[in-house]
Amino acid sequence: MDGLAMVIAENYGLELYNNSLFLFCGGRNNRFKGLFWDGEGFIMLYKRFENGHLSWPRNSNEAKELSDQQLDWLLQGLNPLPIRKIQAVRPGSFY
């Protein structure tokens, strides 16, 4: 818990104690951990999916804030982040 709290504060500069749930996915993308401050201490959540895997941001530039609906989808085993199917075309480039 302390290590995840340090990652939040030092790497992302986010406030730990503001009623937020922070989610982490390690090298195995079929599970994630959550860290939540309840006012008296940290609560840790751990979820492992038996079938399938998550599409998860891999660095701080890709970190996203999830809506309540997206969090609900994640806890149900659905991908909360949209998957880009079409790559953006840069101005002045042609196929």
C-alpha atoms as a PDB file:
ATOM      1  CA  MET A   1       0.000   0.000   0.000  1.00  0.00           C
ATOM      2  CA  ASP A   2       2.750   2.429   0.903  1.00  0.00           C
ATOM      3  CA  GLY A   3       4.533   1.813  -2.401  1.00  0.00           C
ATOM      4  CA  LEU A   4       1.385   2.533  -4.417  1.00  0.00           C
ATOM      5  CA  ALA A   5       0.721   5.654  -2.341  1.00  0.00           C
ATOM      6  CA  MET A   6       4.244   6.886  -3.121  1.00  0.00           C
ATOM      7  CA  VAL A   7       3.709   6.273  -6.848  1.00  0.00           C
ATOM      8  CA  ILE A   8       0.532   8.364  -6.760  1.00  0.00           C
ATOM      9  CA  ALA A   9       2.098  11.246  -4.851  1.00  0.00           C
ATOM     10  CA  GLU A  10       5.573  11.309  -6.397  1.00  0.00           C
ATOM     11  CA  ASN A  11       5.075  10.156  -9.997  1.00  0.00           C
ATOM     12  CA  TYR A  12       1.681  11.694 -10.661  1.00  0.00           C
ATOM     13  CA  GLY A  13       1.541  14.534  -8.134  1.00  0.00           C
ATOM     14  CA  LEU A  14      -2.035  13.621  -7.189  1.00  0.00           C
ATOM     15  CA  GLU A  15      -3.727  14.126  -3.831  1.00  0.00           C
ATOM     16  CA  LEU A  16      -4.207  10.811  -2.025  1.00  0.00           C
ATOM     17  CA  TYR A  17      -6.841  11.931   0.450  1.00  0.00           C
ATOM     18  CA  ASN A  18      -9.537  13.445  -1.778  1.00  0.00           C
ATOM     19  CA  ASN A  19     -12.078  10.602  -2.037  1.00  0.00           C
ATOM     20  CA  SER A  20     -10.449   9.082  -5.135  1.00  0.00           C
ATOM     21  CA  LEU A  21      -9.904   5.454  -6.053  1.00  0.00           C
ATOM     22  CA  PHE A  22      -6.533   4.894  -7.745  1.00  0.00           C
ATOM     23  CA  LEU A  23      -6.208   1.839  -9.992  1.00  0.00           C
ATOM     24  CA  PHE A  24      -3.001   0.064 -11.020  1.00  0.00           C
ATOM     25  CA  CYS A  25      -2.288  -2.750 -13.433  1.00  0.00           C
ATOM     26  CA  GLY A  26       1.102  -4.456 -13.335  1.00  0.00           C
ATOM     27  CA  GLY A  27       2.791  -6.613 -15.928  1.00  0.00           C
ATOM     28  CA  ARG A  28      -0.086  -9.089 -15.986  1.00  0.00           C
ATOM     29  CA  ASN A  29      -3.021  -7.378 -17.612  1.00  0.00           C
ATOM     30  CA  ASN A  30      -5.650  -9.757 -16.245  1.00  0.00           C
ATOM     31  CA  ARG A  31      -5.674  -8.149 -12.787  1.00  0.00           C
ATOM     32  CA  PHE A  32      -5.544  -4.776 -11.121  1.00  0.00           C
ATOM     33  CA  LYS A  33      -5.182  -3.199  -7.686  1.00  0.00           C
ATOM     34  CA  GLY A  34      -7.077  -0.256  -6.283  1.00  0.00           C
ATOM     35  CA  LEU A  35      -6.116   2.088  -3.467  1.00  0.00           C
ATOM     36  CA  PHE A  36      -8.652   4.219  -1.603  1.00  0.00           C
ATOM     37  CA  TRP A  37      -8.320   6.438   1.491  1.00  0.00           C
ATOM     38  CA  ASP A  38     -11.463   6.120   3.658  1.00  0.00           C
ATOM     39  CA  GLY A  39     -10.559   8.895   6.095  1.00  0.00           C
ATOM     40  CA  GLU A  40      -8.880   6.603   8.603  1.00  0.00           C
ATOM     41  CA  GLY A  41      -6.632   4.426   6.466  1.00  0.00           C
ATOM     42  CA  PHE A  42      -6.099   2.917   3.046  1.00  0.00           C
ATOM     43  CA  ILE A  43      -8.333   0.227   1.599  1.00  0.00           C
ATOM     44  CA  MET A  44      -6.817  -2.032  -1.049  1.00  0.00           C
ATOM     45  CA  LEU A  45      -8.883  -3.694  -3.750  1.00  0.00           C
ATOM     46  CA  TYR A  46      -7.588  -6.567  -5.858  1.00  0.00           C
ATOM     47  CA  LYS A  47      -9.448  -7.970  -8.859  1.00  0.00           C
ATOM     48  CA  ARG A  48      -8.392 -10.802 -11.167  1.00  0.00           C
ATOM     49  CA  PHE A  49     -10.272 -11.710 -14.327  1.00  0.00           C
ATOM     50  CA  GLU A  50     -10.471 -15.437 -14.994  1.00  0.00           C
ATOM     51  CA  ASN A  51     -11.164 -14.985 -18.709  1.00  0.00           C
ATOM     52  CA  GLY A  52      -9.668 -12.205 -20.773  1.00  0.00           C
ATOM     53  CA  HIS A  53      -7.452  -9.270 -20.005  1.00  0.00           C
ATOM     54  CA  LEU A  54      -7.497  -5.497 -19.666  1.00  0.00           C
ATOM     55  CA  SER A  55      -6.422  -2.876 -22.145  1.00  0.00           C
ATOM     56  CA  TRP A  56      -4.556  -0.631 -19.719  1.00  0.00           C
ATOM     57  CA  PRO A  57      -2.535   2.602 -19.969  1.00  0.00           C
ATOM     58  CA  ARG A  58       1.169   1.720 -19.724  1.00  0.00           C
ATOM     59  CA  ASN A  59       2.689   5.052 -18.624  1.00  0.00           C
ATOM     60  CA  SER A  60       1.804   8.322 -16.883  1.00  0.00           C
ATOM     61  CA  ASN A  61       1.000  10.063 -20.186  1.00  0.00           C
ATOM     62  CA  GLU A  62      -1.714   7.488 -20.864  1.00  0.00           C
ATOM     63  CA  ALA A  63      -3.291   7.642 -17.356  1.00  0.00           C
ATOM     64  CA  LYS A  64      -6.993   8.475 -17.467  1.00  0.00           C
ATOM     65  CA  GLU A  65      -9.677   9.596 -15.063  1.00  0.00           C
ATOM     66  CA  LEU A  66     -12.619   7.196 -15.196  1.00  0.00           C
ATOM     67  CA  SER A  67     -16.244   8.191 -14.839  1.00  0.00           C
ATOM     68  CA  ASP A  68     -18.518   6.284 -12.459  1.00  0.00           C
ATOM     69  CA  GLN A  69     -19.913   4.391 -15.478  1.00  0.00           C
ATOM     70  CA  GLN A  70     -16.416   3.456 -16.691  1.00  0.00           C
ATOM     71  CA  LEU A  71     -15.482   2.197 -13.209  1.00  0.00           C
ATOM     72  CA  ASP A  72     -18.639   0.087 -13.161  1.00  0.00           C
ATOM     73  CA  TRP A  73     -17.712  -1.379 -16.560  1.00  0.00           C
ATOM     74  CA  LEU A  74     -14.202  -2.169 -15.334  1.00  0.00           C
ATOM     75  CA  LEU A  75     -15.499  -3.979 -12.249  1.00  0.00           C
ATOM     76  CA  GLN A  76     -17.790  -6.011 -14.527  1.00  0.00           C
ATOM     77  CA  GLY A  77     -14.821  -7.041 -16.661  1.00  0.00           C
ATOM     78  CA  LEU A  78     -15.572  -4.705 -19.558  1.00  0.00           C
ATOM     79  CA  ASN A  79     -13.043  -2.377 -21.152  1.00  0.00           C
ATOM     80  CA  PRO A  80     -13.718   1.102 -19.724  1.00  0.00           C
ATOM     81  CA  LEU A  81     -11.524   2.895 -22.267  1.00  0.00           C
ATOM     82  CA  PRO A  82     -12.512   3.273 -25.915  1.00  0.00           C
ATOM     83  CA  ILE A  83     -10.384   1.347 -28.369  1.00  0.00           C
ATOM     84  CA  ARG A  84      -9.214   3.429 -31.315  1.00  0.00           C
ATOM     85  CA  LYS A  85      -9.884   1.524 -34.502  1.00  0.00           C
ATOM     86  CA  ILE A  86      -8.868   4.202 -36.974  1.00  0.00           C
ATOM     87  CA  GLN A  87      -5.524   5.916 -36.785  1.00  0.00           C
ATOM     88  CA  ALA A  88      -5.651   9.701 -37.117  1.00  0.00           C
ATOM     89  CA  VAL A  89      -4.254  11.074 -40.385  1.00  0.00           C
ATOM     90  CA  ARG A  90      -1.785  13.903 -40.026  1.00  0.00           C
ATOM     91  CA  PRO A  91      -2.466  17.006 -42.109  1.00  0.00           C
ATOM     92  CA  GLY A  92      -0.633  16.861 -45.431  1.00  0.00           C
ATOM     93  CA  SER A  93      -0.233  13.064 -45.447  1.00  0.00           C
ATOM     94  CA  PHE A  94      -1.862  10.799 -48.021  1.00  0.00           C
ATOM     95  CA  TYR A  95      -2.546   7.086 -48.321  1.00  0.00           C
END
